[in-house]
Amino acid sequence: MLSSLTLEELIAVKLELSARFLNNRMYNFPIWKSIEFICREATIKFALSACRSKLDAASFLGLSLGELNIYLKKMKIKFDNET
């Protein structure tokens, strides 16, 4: 079932579940301004889990290794597989 959903539908479902958890009180939460950061972080985490090394992940994302390292530091993401 989940595999048949589009990325947009998955995001909508996740937002709906979050709203339910908070009793539909998501006021003053800057979703619109935060969505770019949330998507970038999720994409970086996927790339790190799907690739064998940071260099491969950077290549997959279309970034240099230096750019990826900057994002990892900024987002406080640790990557242990340094091979």
N, C-alpha and C. Protein backbone atom coordinates (compact mmCIF):
# COMPACT_ATOMS: atom_id res chain seq x y z
N MET A 1 0.81 -1.19 0.00
CA MET A 1 0.00 0.00 0.00
C MET A 1 0.86 1.26 0.00
N LEU A 2 1.83 1.34 0.89
CA LEU A 2 2.69 2.52 0.93
C LEU A 2 3.48 2.71 -0.36
N SER A 3 3.84 1.60 -0.98
CA SER A 3 4.64 1.70 -2.21
C SER A 3 3.85 2.31 -3.36
N SER A 4 2.54 2.33 -3.26
CA SER A 4 1.73 2.90 -4.34
C SER A 4 1.50 4.40 -4.16
N LEU A 5 1.92 4.96 -3.02
CA LEU A 5 1.74 6.39 -2.78
C LEU A 5 2.87 7.20 -3.39
N THR A 6 2.55 8.39 -3.85
CA THR A 6 3.58 9.30 -4.35
C THR A 6 4.26 9.96 -3.17
N LEU A 7 5.37 10.59 -3.42
CA LEU A 7 6.09 11.30 -2.37
C LEU A 7 5.22 12.39 -1.75
N GLU A 8 4.50 13.10 -2.60
CA GLU A 8 3.61 14.16 -2.12
C GLU A 8 2.52 13.60 -1.20
N GLU A 9 1.98 12.45 -1.57
CA GLU A 9 0.95 11.82 -0.73
C GLU A 9 1.52 11.35 0.60
N LEU A 10 2.75 10.83 0.59
CA LEU A 10 3.39 10.41 1.84
C LEU A 10 3.62 11.60 2.77
N ILE A 11 4.05 12.72 2.21
CA ILE A 11 4.25 13.92 3.02
C ILE A 11 2.92 14.39 3.60
N ALA A 12 1.87 14.38 2.79
CA ALA A 12 0.55 14.79 3.27
C ALA A 12 0.06 13.88 4.39
N VAL A 13 0.27 12.58 4.25
CA VAL A 13 -0.14 11.63 5.29
C VAL A 13 0.63 11.89 6.58
N LYS A 14 1.94 12.12 6.46
CA LYS A 14 2.77 12.38 7.64
C LYS A 14 2.33 13.67 8.34
N LEU A 15 2.02 14.71 7.57
CA LEU A 15 1.54 15.95 8.18
C LEU A 15 0.19 15.75 8.86
N GLU A 16 -0.68 14.96 8.22
CA GLU A 16 -1.98 14.68 8.83
C GLU A 16 -1.84 13.91 10.13
N LEU A 17 -0.95 12.92 10.15
CA LEU A 17 -0.72 12.16 11.38
C LEU A 17 -0.13 13.04 12.48
N SER A 18 0.76 13.93 12.10
CA SER A 18 1.35 14.86 13.08
C SER A 18 0.28 15.78 13.64
N ALA A 19 -0.61 16.25 12.78
CA ALA A 19 -1.69 17.13 13.24
C ALA A 19 -2.61 16.39 14.21
N ARG A 20 -2.92 15.15 13.89
CA ARG A 20 -3.78 14.36 14.79
C ARG A 20 -3.12 14.17 16.15
N PHE A 21 -1.82 13.88 16.12
CA PHE A 21 -1.08 13.69 17.37
C PHE A 21 -1.13 14.94 18.24
N LEU A 22 -1.15 16.11 17.60
CA LEU A 22 -1.18 17.38 18.33
C LEU A 22 -2.60 17.93 18.47
N ASN A 23 -3.59 17.08 18.28
CA ASN A 23 -5.00 17.47 18.36
C ASN A 23 -5.32 18.65 17.42
N ASN A 24 -4.76 18.59 16.21
CA ASN A 24 -4.95 19.62 15.18
C ASN A 24 -4.53 21.00 15.64
N ARG A 25 -3.55 21.08 16.50
CA ARG A 25 -3.06 22.38 17.00
C ARG A 25 -1.64 22.63 16.51
N MET A 26 -1.50 22.72 15.22
CA MET A 26 -0.19 22.97 14.64
C MET A 26 0.00 24.44 14.30
N TYR A 27 -0.73 25.29 14.99
CA TYR A 27 -0.62 26.72 14.75
C TYR A 27 0.75 27.23 15.17
N ASN A 28 1.22 28.25 14.48
CA ASN A 28 2.50 28.89 14.76
C ASN A 28 3.70 27.98 14.51
N PHE A 29 3.49 26.88 13.80
CA PHE A 29 4.60 26.04 13.39
C PHE A 29 4.89 26.39 11.93
N PRO A 30 6.10 26.88 11.62
CA PRO A 30 6.38 27.38 10.27
C PRO A 30 6.62 26.26 9.25
N ILE A 31 5.58 25.51 8.93
CA ILE A 31 5.73 24.39 8.00
C ILE A 31 6.24 24.87 6.64
N TRP A 32 5.65 25.94 6.13
CA TRP A 32 6.01 26.41 4.80
C TRP A 32 7.48 26.80 4.72
N LYS A 33 7.97 27.45 5.75
CA LYS A 33 9.37 27.88 5.76
C LYS A 33 10.32 26.74 6.10
N SER A 34 9.84 25.70 6.73
CA SER A 34 10.69 24.59 7.18
C SER A 34 10.76 23.45 6.17
N ILE A 35 9.84 23.39 5.23
CA ILE A 35 9.73 22.22 4.36
C ILE A 35 10.98 21.99 3.52
N GLU A 36 11.63 23.04 3.05
CA GLU A 36 12.84 22.86 2.25
C GLU A 36 13.94 22.20 3.08
N PHE A 37 14.13 22.65 4.31
CA PHE A 37 15.13 22.07 5.19
C PHE A 37 14.79 20.61 5.50
N ILE A 38 13.53 20.34 5.77
CA ILE A 38 13.09 18.98 6.10
C ILE A 38 13.35 18.03 4.93
N CYS A 39 13.02 18.47 3.73
CA CYS A 39 13.22 17.64 2.53
C CYS A 39 14.71 17.42 2.25
N ARG A 40 15.52 18.46 2.40
CA ARG A 40 16.96 18.30 2.18
C ARG A 40 17.56 17.32 3.18
N GLU A 41 17.17 17.45 4.44
CA GLU A 41 17.71 16.54 5.46
C GLU A 41 17.30 15.10 5.17
N ALA A 42 16.05 14.89 4.79
CA ALA A 42 15.58 13.54 4.46
C ALA A 42 16.33 12.97 3.26
N THR A 43 16.58 13.81 2.26
CA THR A 43 17.29 13.37 1.06
C THR A 43 18.73 13.01 1.39
N ILE A 44 19.38 13.79 2.21
CA ILE A 44 20.76 13.48 2.62
C ILE A 44 20.80 12.19 3.42
N LYS A 45 19.86 12.01 4.33
CA LYS A 45 19.84 10.77 5.13
C LYS A 45 19.61 9.56 4.24
N PHE A 46 18.73 9.70 3.23
CA PHE A 46 18.52 8.59 2.30
C PHE A 46 19.80 8.28 1.53
N ALA A 47 20.45 9.32 1.01
CA ALA A 47 21.66 9.11 0.23
C ALA A 47 22.73 8.41 1.06
N LEU A 48 22.88 8.81 2.31
CA LEU A 48 23.88 8.18 3.18
C LEU A 48 23.55 6.72 3.46
N SER A 49 22.26 6.39 3.56
CA SER A 49 21.90 5.00 3.84
C SER A 49 21.95 4.14 2.58
N ALA A 50 21.75 4.73 1.42
CA ALA A 50 21.71 3.97 0.17
C ALA A 50 23.08 3.82 -0.49
N CYS A 51 24.03 4.68 -0.12
CA CYS A 51 25.35 4.66 -0.75
C CYS A 51 26.40 4.07 0.19
N ARG A 52 27.49 3.63 -0.38
CA ARG A 52 28.54 2.98 0.41
C ARG A 52 29.46 3.96 1.14
N SER A 53 29.57 5.17 0.62
CA SER A 53 30.49 6.13 1.23
C SER A 53 29.92 7.54 1.10
N LYS A 54 30.55 8.47 1.82
CA LYS A 54 30.13 9.87 1.69
C LYS A 54 30.40 10.39 0.29
N LEU A 55 31.47 9.94 -0.31
CA LEU A 55 31.79 10.37 -1.67
C LEU A 55 30.70 9.91 -2.65
N ASP A 56 30.26 8.66 -2.50
CA ASP A 56 29.17 8.16 -3.34
C ASP A 56 27.87 8.94 -3.09
N ALA A 57 27.60 9.23 -1.82
CA ALA A 57 26.39 9.98 -1.48
C ALA A 57 26.44 11.39 -2.07
N ALA A 58 27.59 12.02 -1.99
CA ALA A 58 27.75 13.35 -2.56
C ALA A 58 27.53 13.31 -4.07
N SER A 59 28.09 12.33 -4.72
CA SER A 59 27.92 12.17 -6.16
C SER A 59 26.45 11.94 -6.51
N PHE A 60 25.78 11.09 -5.74
CA PHE A 60 24.35 10.82 -5.94
C PHE A 60 23.53 12.11 -5.84
N LEU A 61 23.89 12.97 -4.89
CA LEU A 61 23.15 14.22 -4.66
C LEU A 61 23.57 15.35 -5.60
N GLY A 62 24.65 15.14 -6.34
CA GLY A 62 25.14 16.20 -7.21
C GLY A 62 25.90 17.28 -6.45
N LEU A 63 26.51 16.88 -5.33
CA LEU A 63 27.28 17.79 -4.50
C LEU A 63 28.74 17.38 -4.51
N SER A 64 29.61 18.30 -4.17
CA SER A 64 31.00 17.92 -3.91
C SER A 64 31.05 17.34 -2.50
N LEU A 65 32.13 16.62 -2.20
CA LEU A 65 32.27 16.06 -0.86
C LEU A 65 32.33 17.17 0.18
N GLY A 66 32.97 18.28 -0.16
CA GLY A 66 33.03 19.42 0.76
C GLY A 66 31.66 20.00 1.05
N GLU A 67 30.83 20.12 0.01
CA GLU A 67 29.47 20.64 0.21
C GLU A 67 28.65 19.71 1.09
N LEU A 68 28.78 18.40 0.85
CA LEU A 68 28.05 17.43 1.68
C LEU A 68 28.50 17.53 3.13
N ASN A 69 29.80 17.65 3.35
CA ASN A 69 30.31 17.77 4.72
C ASN A 69 29.78 19.03 5.41
N ILE A 70 29.64 20.12 4.66
CA ILE A 70 29.07 21.35 5.23
C ILE A 70 27.64 21.11 5.67
N TYR A 71 26.84 20.45 4.80
CA TYR A 71 25.45 20.15 5.15
C TYR A 71 25.37 19.21 6.35
N LEU A 72 26.23 18.19 6.38
CA LEU A 72 26.21 17.25 7.50
C LEU A 72 26.51 17.96 8.82
N LYS A 73 27.47 18.86 8.80
CA LYS A 73 27.81 19.60 10.01
C LYS A 73 26.67 20.53 10.41
N LYS A 74 26.10 21.23 9.43
CA LYS A 74 25.01 22.17 9.67
C LYS A 74 23.78 21.46 10.24
N MET A 75 23.49 20.26 9.71
CA MET A 75 22.30 19.50 10.13
C MET A 75 22.59 18.55 11.28
N LYS A 76 23.86 18.51 11.73
CA LYS A 76 24.28 17.64 12.84
C LYS A 76 23.96 16.18 12.55
N ILE A 77 24.28 15.75 11.34
CA ILE A 77 24.08 14.36 10.92
C ILE A 77 25.42 13.66 11.00
N LYS A 78 25.46 12.53 11.68
CA LYS A 78 26.69 11.75 11.80
C LYS A 78 26.63 10.60 10.79
N PHE A 79 27.77 10.34 10.18
CA PHE A 79 27.88 9.22 9.23
C PHE A 79 29.09 8.40 9.63
N ASP A 80 28.85 7.20 10.12
CA ASP A 80 29.92 6.37 10.68
C ASP A 80 30.67 5.57 9.63
N ASN A 81 30.04 5.27 8.50
CA ASN A 81 30.67 4.43 7.49
C ASN A 81 31.61 5.27 6.63
N GLU A 82 32.79 5.56 7.12
CA GLU A 82 33.75 6.45 6.47
C GLU A 82 34.66 5.73 5.50
N THR A 83 34.22 4.64 4.88
CA THR A 83 35.09 3.90 3.96
C THR A 83 35.16 4.55 2.62
